[in-house]
C-alpha atoms as a PDB file:
ATOM      1  CA  MET A   1     -34.371   9.058   3.006  1.00  0.00           C
ATOM      2  CA  SER A   2     -31.750   9.261   0.277  1.00  0.00           C
ATOM      3  CA  SER A   3     -31.198   6.496  -2.237  1.00  0.00           C
ATOM      4  CA  SER A   4     -28.050   5.230  -3.931  1.00  0.00           C
ATOM      5  CA  HIS A   5     -29.037   7.371  -6.934  1.00  0.00           C
ATOM      6  CA  ASP A   6     -28.536  10.518  -4.820  1.00  0.00           C
ATOM      7  CA  ARG A   7     -24.876   9.707  -4.218  1.00  0.00           C
ATOM      8  CA  PRO A   8     -22.265  10.907  -6.751  1.00  0.00           C
ATOM      9  CA  ASP A   9     -20.662   8.069  -8.676  1.00  0.00           C
ATOM     10  CA  LEU A  10     -17.215   6.788  -7.766  1.00  0.00           C
ATOM     11  CA  TYR A  11     -15.443   8.670 -10.553  1.00  0.00           C
ATOM     12  CA  ASP A  12     -16.891  11.978  -9.375  1.00  0.00           C
ATOM     13  CA  ARG A  13     -16.092  11.246  -5.727  1.00  0.00           C
ATOM     14  CA  VAL A  14     -12.483  10.365  -6.549  1.00  0.00           C
ATOM     15  CA  HIS A  15     -11.973  13.539  -8.539  1.00  0.00           C
ATOM     16  CA  ALA A  16     -13.749  15.692  -5.951  1.00  0.00           C
ATOM     17  CA  ALA A  17     -11.237  14.558  -3.326  1.00  0.00           C
ATOM     18  CA  ALA A  18      -8.345  15.042  -5.762  1.00  0.00           C
ATOM     19  CA  ALA A  19      -9.553  18.579  -6.461  1.00  0.00           C
ATOM     20  CA  VAL A  20      -9.392  19.454  -2.765  1.00  0.00           C
ATOM     21  CA  VAL A  21      -5.797  18.192  -2.616  1.00  0.00           C
ATOM     22  CA  ARG A  22      -4.824  20.128  -5.760  1.00  0.00           C
ATOM     23  CA  ALA A  23      -6.246  23.316  -4.298  1.00  0.00           C
ATOM     24  CA  ARG A  24      -3.960  22.867  -1.277  1.00  0.00           C
ATOM     25  CA  ILE A  25      -0.754  21.940  -3.131  1.00  0.00           C
ATOM     26  CA  GLY A  26      -0.875  24.447  -5.984  1.00  0.00           C
ATOM     27  CA  GLY A  27       0.662  23.405  -9.288  1.00  0.00           C
ATOM     28  CA  ARG A  28       2.609  20.426  -7.984  1.00  0.00           C
ATOM     29  CA  ALA A  29       1.766  17.122  -9.657  1.00  0.00           C
ATOM     30  CA  PRO A  30       2.620  13.985  -7.660  1.00  0.00           C
ATOM     31  CA  GLN A  31       4.475  11.269  -9.575  1.00  0.00           C
ATOM     32  CA  VAL A  32       4.677   8.583  -6.881  1.00  0.00           C
ATOM     33  CA  GLY A  33       2.009   7.502  -4.426  1.00  0.00           C
ATOM     34  CA  LEU A  34       3.247   6.085  -1.124  1.00  0.00           C
ATOM     35  CA  ILE A  35       1.009   4.058   1.173  1.00  0.00           C
ATOM     36  CA  LEU A  36       2.933   3.821   4.430  1.00  0.00           C
ATOM     37  CA  GLY A  37       2.034   0.928   6.706  1.00  0.00           C
ATOM     38  CA  SER A  38       2.663   0.328  10.405  1.00  0.00           C
ATOM     39  CA  GLY A  39       5.787   2.064  11.697  1.00  0.00           C
ATOM     40  CA  LEU A  40       6.594   3.916   8.469  1.00  0.00           C
ATOM     41  CA  GLY A  41       4.410   6.999   8.808  1.00  0.00           C
ATOM     42  CA  GLY A  42       7.448   9.056   9.794  1.00  0.00           C
ATOM     43  CA  PHE A  43       8.791   8.770   6.245  1.00  0.00           C
ATOM     44  CA  ALA A  44       6.130  11.235   5.147  1.00  0.00           C
ATOM     45  CA  ASP A  45       7.465  13.751   7.661  1.00  0.00           C
ATOM     46  CA  ARG A  46      10.783  13.757   5.784  1.00  0.00           C
ATOM     47  CA  LEU A  47       9.281  14.932   2.501  1.00  0.00           C
ATOM     48  CA  GLU A  48      10.667  18.329   1.482  1.00  0.00           C
ATOM     49  CA  ASP A  49       8.461  21.438   1.168  1.00  0.00           C
ATOM     50  CA  ALA A  50       5.597  19.300   2.403  1.00  0.00           C
ATOM     51  CA  VAL A  51       1.902  20.079   2.659  1.00  0.00           C
ATOM     52  CA  ALA A  52      -0.075  17.885   5.086  1.00  0.00           C
ATOM     53  CA  ILE A  53      -3.831  17.368   4.923  1.00  0.00           C
ATOM     54  CA  ASP A  54      -5.842  15.370   7.461  1.00  0.00           C
ATOM     55  CA  TYR A  55      -8.003  12.653   5.907  1.00  0.00           C
ATOM     56  CA  ALA A  56     -10.991  14.192   7.675  1.00  0.00           C
ATOM     57  CA  GLU A  57     -10.614  17.247   5.419  1.00  0.00           C
ATOM     58  CA  LEU A  58     -10.891  15.180   2.234  1.00  0.00           C
ATOM     59  CA  PRO A  59     -14.372  14.212   1.004  1.00  0.00           C
ATOM     60  CA  GLY A  60     -14.841  10.468   0.879  1.00  0.00           C
ATOM     61  CA  PHE A  61     -11.631   9.604   2.739  1.00  0.00           C
ATOM     62  CA  PRO A  62     -12.200   7.003   5.464  1.00  0.00           C
ATOM     63  CA  VAL A  63     -10.340   7.708   8.704  1.00  0.00           C
ATOM     64  CA  SER A  64      -8.398   4.947  10.469  1.00  0.00           C
ATOM     65  CA  ARG A  65      -8.798   4.331  14.186  1.00  0.00           C
ATOM     66  CA  VAL A  66      -5.846   1.929  14.427  1.00  0.00           C
ATOM     67  CA  HIS A  67      -2.788   2.875  16.501  1.00  0.00           C
ATOM     68  CA  GLY A  68       0.141   3.711  14.213  1.00  0.00           C
ATOM     69  CA  HIS A  69      -2.015   4.971  11.335  1.00  0.00           C
ATOM     70  CA  ALA A  70      -2.029   8.769  11.657  1.00  0.00           C
ATOM     71  CA  GLY A  71      -4.591   9.502   8.951  1.00  0.00           C
ATOM     72  CA  ARG A  72      -2.828  12.273   7.052  1.00  0.00           C
ATOM     73  CA  LEU A  73      -1.975  12.879   3.398  1.00  0.00           C
ATOM     74  CA  VAL A  74       1.401  14.524   2.801  1.00  0.00           C
ATOM     75  CA  VAL A  75       2.596  15.955  -0.524  1.00  0.00           C
ATOM     76  CA  GLY A  76       6.260  16.832  -0.990  1.00  0.00           C
ATOM     77  CA  ARG A  77       9.494  15.981  -2.763  1.00  0.00           C
ATOM     78  CA  ARG A  78      11.908  13.190  -1.917  1.00  0.00           C
ATOM     79  CA  GLY A  79      14.761  11.738  -3.942  1.00  0.00           C
ATOM     80  CA  GLY A  80      13.907  14.055  -6.823  1.00  0.00           C
ATOM     81  CA  ALA A  81      10.345  12.700  -7.066  1.00  0.00           C
ATOM     82  CA  MET A  82       7.166  14.564  -6.231  1.00  0.00           C
ATOM     83  CA  CYS A  83       5.350  12.252  -3.826  1.00  0.00           C
ATOM     84  CA  VAL A  84       1.920  12.011  -2.269  1.00  0.00           C
ATOM     85  CA  ALA A  85       2.134   9.868   0.850  1.00  0.00           C
ATOM     86  CA  MET A  86      -0.545   8.300   3.001  1.00  0.00           C
ATOM     87  CA  LYS A  87       0.358   8.201   6.679  1.00  0.00           C
ATOM     88  CA  GLY A  88      -1.778   5.226   7.572  1.00  0.00           C
ATOM     89  CA  ARG A  89      -4.621   3.356   5.912  1.00  0.00           C
ATOM     90  CA  VAL A  90      -7.985   1.871   6.796  1.00  0.00           C
ATOM     91  CA  HIS A  91      -8.769  -1.837   6.804  1.00  0.00           C
ATOM     92  CA  LEU A  92     -11.770  -4.036   6.132  1.00  0.00           C
ATOM     93  CA  TYR A  93     -11.805  -5.173   9.759  1.00  0.00           C
ATOM     94  CA  GLU A  94     -12.646  -1.629  10.851  1.00  0.00           C
ATOM     95  CA  GLY A  95     -16.010  -2.073   9.165  1.00  0.00           C
ATOM     96  CA  HIS A  96     -15.210  -0.615   5.756  1.00  0.00           C
ATOM     97  CA  GLY A  97     -15.939  -2.305   2.435  1.00  0.00           C
ATOM     98  CA  ALA A  98     -13.132  -2.945  -0.039  1.00  0.00           C
ATOM     99  CA  VAL A  99     -14.318  -0.126  -2.315  1.00  0.00           C
ATOM    100  CA  GLU A 100     -13.989   2.344   0.556  1.00  0.00           C
ATOM    101  CA  VAL A 101     -10.649   0.929   1.716  1.00  0.00           C
ATOM    102  CA  ALA A 102      -9.253   1.410  -1.794  1.00  0.00           C
ATOM    103  CA  PHE A 103     -10.706   4.900  -2.310  1.00  0.00           C
ATOM    104  CA  PRO A 104      -7.609   6.820  -1.132  1.00  0.00           C
ATOM    105  CA  ALA A 105      -5.379   4.835  -3.518  1.00  0.00           C
ATOM    106  CA  ARG A 106      -7.658   5.876  -6.379  1.00  0.00           C
ATOM    107  CA  VAL A 107      -7.191   9.499  -5.357  1.00  0.00           C
ATOM    108  CA  LEU A 108      -3.389   9.118  -5.404  1.00  0.00           C
ATOM    109  CA  VAL A 109      -3.539   7.845  -8.974  1.00  0.00           C
ATOM    110  CA  ALA A 110      -6.053  10.534  -9.967  1.00  0.00           C
ATOM    111  CA  LEU A 111      -3.583  13.140  -8.673  1.00  0.00           C
ATOM    112  CA  GLY A 112      -1.024  11.859 -11.172  1.00  0.00           C
ATOM    113  CA  ALA A 113       0.890   9.077  -9.395  1.00  0.00           C
ATOM    114  CA  ARG A 114       2.257   6.801 -12.099  1.00  0.00           C
ATOM    115  CA  VAL A 115       3.804   4.412  -9.562  1.00  0.00           C
ATOM    116  CA  LEU A 116       2.158   3.309  -6.329  1.00  0.00           C
ATOM    117  CA  LEU A 117       4.617   2.138  -3.668  1.00  0.00           C
ATOM    118  CA  VAL A 118       2.710   0.136  -1.071  1.00  0.00           C
ATOM    119  CA  THR A 119       4.164  -1.023   2.234  1.00  0.00           C
ATOM    120  CA  ASN A 120       2.751  -3.132   5.033  1.00  0.00           C
ATOM    121  CA  ALA A 121       3.498  -5.115   8.143  1.00  0.00           C
ATOM    122  CA  ALA A 122       2.989  -8.846   7.632  1.00  0.00           C
ATOM    123  CA  GLY A 123       3.270 -12.146   9.428  1.00  0.00           C
ATOM    124  CA  GLY A 124       5.911 -14.487   8.088  1.00  0.00           C
ATOM    125  CA  LEU A 125       4.808 -17.870   6.766  1.00  0.00           C
ATOM    126  CA  ARG A 126       8.357 -19.037   6.059  1.00  0.00           C
ATOM    127  CA  PRO A 127       9.852 -20.432   9.298  1.00  0.00           C
ATOM    128  CA  GLU A 128      13.364 -19.442   8.206  1.00  0.00           C
ATOM    129  CA  TRP A 129      12.474 -15.746   7.917  1.00  0.00           C
ATOM    130  CA  SER A 130      13.225 -13.796  11.092  1.00  0.00           C
ATOM    131  CA  PRO A 131      11.131 -10.815  12.248  1.00  0.00           C
ATOM    132  CA  GLY A 132      12.515  -7.729  10.549  1.00  0.00           C
ATOM    133  CA  THR A 133      12.918  -9.403   7.154  1.00  0.00           C
ATOM    134  CA  LEU A 134      11.887  -7.224   4.204  1.00  0.00           C
ATOM    135  CA  MET A 135       9.956  -8.974   1.432  1.00  0.00           C
ATOM    136  CA  LEU A 136       9.406  -7.624  -2.059  1.00  0.00           C
ATOM    137  CA  ILE A 137       5.905  -8.680  -3.091  1.00  0.00           C
ATOM    138  CA  ARG A 138       5.982 -10.725  -6.294  1.00  0.00           C
ATOM    139  CA  ASP A 139       2.274 -11.577  -6.352  1.00  0.00           C
ATOM    140  CA  HIS A 140      -0.702 -11.798  -4.036  1.00  0.00           C
ATOM    141  CA  ILE A 141      -3.604 -14.021  -3.044  1.00  0.00           C
ATOM    142  CA  ASP A 142      -6.855 -12.272  -2.172  1.00  0.00           C
ATOM    143  CA  LEU A 143      -8.835 -13.944   0.639  1.00  0.00           C
ATOM    144  CA  LEU A 144     -10.516 -10.772   1.919  1.00  0.00           C
ATOM    145  CA  ARG A 145     -14.046 -11.932   0.942  1.00  0.00           C
ATOM    146  CA  ASP A 146     -14.808  -8.530  -0.567  1.00  0.00           C
ATOM    147  CA  HIS A 147     -13.401  -6.960  -3.714  1.00  0.00           C
ATOM    148  CA  ALA A 148     -12.458  -3.375  -4.489  1.00  0.00           C
ATOM    149  CA  LEU A 149     -14.036  -3.584  -7.969  1.00  0.00           C
ATOM    150  CA  ARG A 150     -17.337  -5.088  -6.837  1.00  0.00           C
ATOM    151  CA  GLY A 151     -20.312  -3.149  -8.124  1.00  0.00           C
ATOM    152  CA  PRO A 152     -20.878  -1.091 -11.278  1.00  0.00           C
ATOM    153  CA  ASN A 153     -17.768  -0.368 -13.327  1.00  0.00           C
ATOM    154  CA  ASP A 154     -16.957   3.087 -14.703  1.00  0.00           C
ATOM    155  CA  GLU A 155     -14.827   2.839 -17.853  1.00  0.00           C
ATOM    156  CA  ARG A 156     -13.431   6.295 -17.089  1.00  0.00           C
ATOM    157  CA  LEU A 157     -11.581   4.696 -14.188  1.00  0.00           C
ATOM    158  CA  GLY A 158     -10.627   1.414 -15.832  1.00  0.00           C
ATOM    159  CA  PRO A 159     -11.877  -1.748 -17.553  1.00  0.00           C
ATOM    160  CA  ARG A 160     -14.510  -4.102 -16.150  1.00  0.00           C
ATOM    161  CA  PHE A 161     -12.111  -7.069 -16.101  1.00  0.00           C
ATOM    162  CA  PRO A 162      -8.546  -5.837 -15.521  1.00  0.00           C
ATOM    163  CA  ASP A 163      -5.677  -8.260 -16.015  1.00  0.00           C
ATOM    164  CA  MET A 164      -3.612  -8.983 -12.903  1.00  0.00           C
ATOM    165  CA  THR A 165      -0.852 -11.085 -14.464  1.00  0.00           C
ATOM    166  CA  THR A 166       1.736  -8.469 -13.566  1.00  0.00           C
ATOM    167  CA  ALA A 167       0.032  -6.759 -10.631  1.00  0.00           C
ATOM    168  CA  TYR A 168       3.498  -5.978  -9.241  1.00  0.00           C
ATOM    169  CA  ALA A 169       5.489  -4.594 -12.186  1.00  0.00           C
ATOM    170  CA  PRO A 170       8.376  -6.964 -13.053  1.00  0.00           C
ATOM    171  CA  GLY A 171      10.631  -4.153 -14.257  1.00  0.00           C
ATOM    172  CA  LEU A 172      10.120  -2.206 -11.052  1.00  0.00           C
ATOM    173  CA  ARG A 173      10.720  -5.317  -8.946  1.00  0.00           C
ATOM    174  CA  ALA A 174      14.079  -5.697 -10.699  1.00  0.00           C
ATOM    175  CA  LEU A 175      14.844  -2.052  -9.930  1.00  0.00           C
ATOM    176  CA  VAL A 176      14.046  -2.542  -6.229  1.00  0.00           C
ATOM    177  CA  LYS A 177      16.279  -5.609  -6.036  1.00  0.00           C
ATOM    178  CA  GLU A 178      19.156  -3.664  -7.571  1.00  0.00           C
ATOM    179  CA  VAL A 179      18.666  -0.818  -5.090  1.00  0.00           C
ATOM    180  CA  ALA A 180      18.598  -3.252  -2.156  1.00  0.00           C
ATOM    181  CA  ALA A 181      21.751  -4.993  -3.344  1.00  0.00           C
ATOM    182  CA  ALA A 182      23.561  -1.666  -3.743  1.00  0.00           C
ATOM    183  CA  GLN A 183      22.584  -0.716  -0.179  1.00  0.00           C
ATOM    184  CA  GLY A 184      23.509  -4.104   1.242  1.00  0.00           C
ATOM    185  CA  VAL A 185      19.909  -4.647   2.349  1.00  0.00           C
ATOM    186  CA  ALA A 186      18.795  -8.283   2.522  1.00  0.00           C
ATOM    187  CA  LEU A 187      15.576  -8.468   0.514  1.00  0.00           C
ATOM    188  CA  GLU A 188      13.477 -11.587   0.135  1.00  0.00           C
ATOM    189  CA  GLU A 189      10.768 -11.949  -2.504  1.00  0.00           C
ATOM    190  CA  GLY A 190       7.462 -13.732  -2.160  1.00  0.00           C
ATOM    191  CA  VAL A 191       3.678 -13.924  -2.295  1.00  0.00           C
ATOM    192  CA  TYR A 192       1.494 -11.867   0.050  1.00  0.00           C
ATOM    193  CA  VAL A 193      -1.900 -13.213   1.103  1.00  0.00           C
ATOM    194  CA  ALA A 194      -4.556 -10.809   2.377  1.00  0.00           C
ATOM    195  CA  MET A 195      -6.815 -12.027   5.183  1.00  0.00           C
ATOM    196  CA  PRO A 196      -9.746 -10.038   6.600  1.00  0.00           C
ATOM    197  CA  GLY A 197      -8.690  -9.903  10.267  1.00  0.00           C
ATOM    198  CA  PRO A 198      -8.778  -8.514  12.880  1.00  0.00           C
ATOM    199  CA  THR A 199      -7.836 -11.834  14.473  1.00  0.00           C
ATOM    200  CA  TYR A 200      -4.449 -13.188  13.590  1.00  0.00           C
ATOM    201  CA  GLU A 201      -4.578 -16.448  11.661  1.00  0.00           C
ATOM    202  CA  THR A 202      -4.960 -19.724  13.513  1.00  0.00           C
ATOM    203  CA  PRO A 203      -2.207 -22.327  13.201  1.00  0.00           C
ATOM    204  CA  ALA A 204      -4.537 -24.359  10.932  1.00  0.00           C
ATOM    205  CA  GLU A 205      -5.079 -21.330   8.702  1.00  0.00           C
ATOM    206  CA  VAL A 206      -1.329 -20.721   8.582  1.00  0.00           C
ATOM    207  CA  ARG A 207      -0.771 -24.287   7.369  1.00  0.00           C
ATOM    208  CA  MET A 208      -3.457 -23.725   4.719  1.00  0.00           C
ATOM    209  CA  LEU A 209      -1.829 -20.494   3.546  1.00  0.00           C
ATOM    210  CA  GLN A 210       1.566 -22.160   3.372  1.00  0.00           C
ATOM    211  CA  GLY A 211      -0.011 -24.885   1.248  1.00  0.00           C
ATOM    212  CA  LEU A 212      -1.418 -22.235  -1.095  1.00  0.00           C
ATOM    213  CA  GLY A 213       2.083 -20.939  -1.735  1.00  0.00           C
ATOM    214  CA  ALA A 214       1.962 -17.744   0.330  1.00  0.00           C
ATOM    215  CA  ASP A 215       5.055 -16.393   2.072  1.00  0.00           C
ATOM    216  CA  ALA A 216       3.556 -13.576   4.165  1.00  0.00           C
ATOM    217  CA  THR A 217       0.110 -12.699   5.432  1.00  0.00           C
ATOM    218  CA  GLY A 218      -1.527  -9.412   6.347  1.00  0.00           C
ATOM    219  CA  MET A 219      -4.821  -7.528   6.457  1.00  0.00           C
ATOM    220  CA  SER A 220      -4.308  -4.826   3.822  1.00  0.00           C
ATOM    221  CA  THR A 221      -2.679  -3.897   0.495  1.00  0.00           C
ATOM    222  CA  VAL A 222      -4.642  -5.974  -2.013  1.00  0.00           C
ATOM    223  CA  PRO A 223      -7.578  -3.542  -2.487  1.00  0.00           C
ATOM    224  CA  GLU A 224      -5.178  -0.668  -3.098  1.00  0.00           C
ATOM    225  CA  VAL A 225      -3.105  -2.665  -5.563  1.00  0.00           C
ATOM    226  CA  VAL A 226      -6.197  -3.789  -7.459  1.00  0.00           C
ATOM    227  CA  VAL A 227      -7.522  -0.266  -7.991  1.00  0.00           C
ATOM    228  CA  ALA A 228      -4.096   1.103  -8.897  1.00  0.00           C
ATOM    229  CA  ARG A 229      -3.826  -1.483 -11.650  1.00  0.00           C
ATOM    230  CA  HIS A 230      -7.441  -0.819 -12.627  1.00  0.00           C
ATOM    231  CA  MET A 231      -6.492   2.826 -13.207  1.00  0.00           C
ATOM    232  CA  GLY A 232      -3.266   2.044 -15.038  1.00  0.00           C
ATOM    233  CA  ALA A 233      -0.611   2.780 -12.412  1.00  0.00           C
ATOM    234  CA  ARG A 234       2.305   0.430 -11.819  1.00  0.00           C
ATOM    235  CA  VAL A 235       2.833  -1.043  -8.354  1.00  0.00           C
ATOM    236  CA  ILE A 236       5.742  -1.833  -6.055  1.00  0.00           C
ATOM    237  CA  GLY A 237       4.888  -3.692  -2.848  1.00  0.00           C
ATOM    238  CA  VAL A 238       7.210  -4.284   0.120  1.00  0.00           C
ATOM    239  CA  SER A 239       6.294  -6.092   3.343  1.00  0.00           C
ATOM    240  CA  CYS A 240       8.085  -5.941   6.665  1.00  0.00           C
ATOM    241  CA  ILE A 241       7.870  -9.365   8.277  1.00  0.00           C
ATOM    242  CA  THR A 242       7.129  -8.289  11.831  1.00  0.00           C
ATOM    243  CA  ASN A 243       6.474 -11.692  13.395  1.00  0.00           C
ATOM    244  CA  LYS A 244       6.325 -15.382  12.615  1.00  0.00           C
ATOM    245  CA  ALA A 245       2.750 -16.471  11.965  1.00  0.00           C
ATOM    246  CA  ALA A 246       0.749 -18.481  14.507  1.00  0.00           C
ATOM    247  CA  GLY A 247       1.925 -21.982  15.252  1.00  0.00           C
ATOM    248  CA  ILE A 248       5.472 -21.525  13.923  1.00  0.00           C
ATOM    249  CA  THR A 249       7.020 -20.568  17.275  1.00  0.00           C
ATOM    250  CA  GLY A 250       4.220 -21.646  19.592  1.00  0.00           C
ATOM    251  CA  GLU A 251       4.133 -18.176  21.142  1.00  0.00           C
ATOM    252  CA  PRO A 252       1.002 -15.951  21.137  1.00  0.00           C
ATOM    253  CA  LEU A 253       0.919 -12.995  18.742  1.00  0.00           C
ATOM    254  CA  SER A 254       0.387  -9.346  19.669  1.00  0.00           C
ATOM    255  CA  HIS A 255       0.106  -5.987  17.932  1.00  0.00           C
ATOM    256  CA  ASP A 256       2.882  -4.705  20.210  1.00  0.00           C
ATOM    257  CA  GLU A 257       5.288  -7.169  18.584  1.00  0.00           C
ATOM    258  CA  VAL A 258       4.252  -5.889  15.166  1.00  0.00           C
ATOM    259  CA  THR A 259       4.878  -2.251  16.011  1.00  0.00           C
ATOM    260  CA  GLU A 260       8.128  -2.965  17.871  1.00  0.00           C
ATOM    261  CA  THR A 261       9.611  -4.855  14.928  1.00  0.00           C
ATOM    262  CA  ALA A 262       8.453  -2.243  12.418  1.00  0.00           C
ATOM    263  CA  THR A 263      10.110   0.451  14.529  1.00  0.00           C
ATOM    264  CA  ARG A 264      13.347  -1.531  14.799  1.00  0.00           C
ATOM    265  CA  VAL A 265      13.797  -1.857  11.034  1.00  0.00           C
ATOM    266  CA  ARG A 266      12.369   1.553  10.148  1.00  0.00           C
ATOM    267  CA  ALA A 267      15.717   3.160   9.272  1.00  0.00           C
ATOM    268  CA  THR A 268      16.617   0.331   6.889  1.00  0.00           C
ATOM    269  CA  PHE A 269      13.150   0.333   5.331  1.00  0.00           C
ATOM    270  CA  GLU A 270      13.125   4.114   4.878  1.00  0.00           C
ATOM    271  CA  GLY A 271      16.597   4.002   3.341  1.00  0.00           C
ATOM    272  CA  LEU A 272      15.322   1.477   0.830  1.00  0.00           C
ATOM    273  CA  LEU A 273      12.363   3.724  -0.003  1.00  0.00           C
ATOM    274  CA  ASP A 274      14.729   6.652  -0.557  1.00  0.00           C
ATOM    275  CA  GLY A 275      16.856   4.557  -2.878  1.00  0.00           C
ATOM    276  CA  ILE A 276      13.814   3.408  -4.832  1.00  0.00           C
ATOM    277  CA  LEU A 277      12.652   6.996  -5.376  1.00  0.00           C
ATOM    278  CA  VAL A 278      16.087   8.071  -6.598  1.00  0.00           C
ATOM    279  CA  ALA A 279      16.236   5.103  -8.977  1.00  0.00           C
ATOM    280  CA  LEU A 280      12.726   5.736 -10.325  1.00  0.00           C
ATOM    281  CA  VAL A 281      13.708   9.293 -11.205  1.00  0.00           C
ATOM    282  CA  GLY A 282      17.158   8.415 -12.510  1.00  0.00           C
ATOM    283  CA  ARG A 283      15.878   5.750 -14.856  1.00  0.00           C
ATOM    284  CA  GLY A 284      13.012   7.788 -16.246  1.00  0.00           C
ATOM    285  CA  GLU A 285      10.336   5.502 -14.775  1.00  0.00           C
ATOM    286  CA  LEU A 286       8.160   8.491 -13.889  1.00  0.00           C
ATOM    287  CA  ALA A 287       8.208  10.131 -17.305  1.00  0.00           C
ATOM    288  CA  GLU A 288       4.963  10.842 -19.114  1.00  0.00           C
ATOM    289  CA  GLY A 289       3.816   8.309 -21.653  1.00  0.00           C
ATOM    290  CA  PRO A 290       1.753   5.108 -21.905  1.00  0.00           C
ATOM    291  CA  ARG A 291       1.477   3.141 -18.673  1.00  0.00           C
END
């Protein structure tokens, strides 16, 4: 029987997976990492001169079994930026720990992504927000009951106690708001709270989350954001409010509603992503230098 000492450390596993990707993409160096949530996987198919790699081909990559999460890494150019995009993600509720859930995000940063653009589908905690609302994430609350940095820390990846004061880069949030305004896209801003799932929240839990100051709730994102900041990348987070959370309308919730809403607003959401990439390049946000 093998022991934990027989397993390569996290740093080595991250860079082993990154090496496999580099061997497939040649000399291209990704500048932006995209984690595409429910309904947005098609954005990766629009990358130019793209190379696609199934997660199953990458050592250490967990493979999602959730409908709408294709499980493929795509490297290509969009809006003048070299991107590495994740078509789908895994979640804690599938049986993975937070360290494993966040592993692919670490690989994106190890490949060179200086900005991680994370998207998700979320339930709205603000009664006035209709399904289809886009929310720029200002901050988050982590209620996942597991943490992506739990366990031994490797200083080669990042510090033991990383600061999360500006987990979602203020300068990049301002950039996204300017892009949305120029496109005429209504963009709210708020706090995302991560819950473990897979059940949707109860009405009592929704009232609790509202009392904590959260505006949207989902079952992802936080582990990836934490490790991106741990490794020094800057983060942009955008949620699609796909439904009103339990108890607000009195109607039962379903995954079909989530996917239907995400599909309905996909063109608007993808247009916003395109605009963000163009702005990141145009303003020199992806240039080399201190993070």
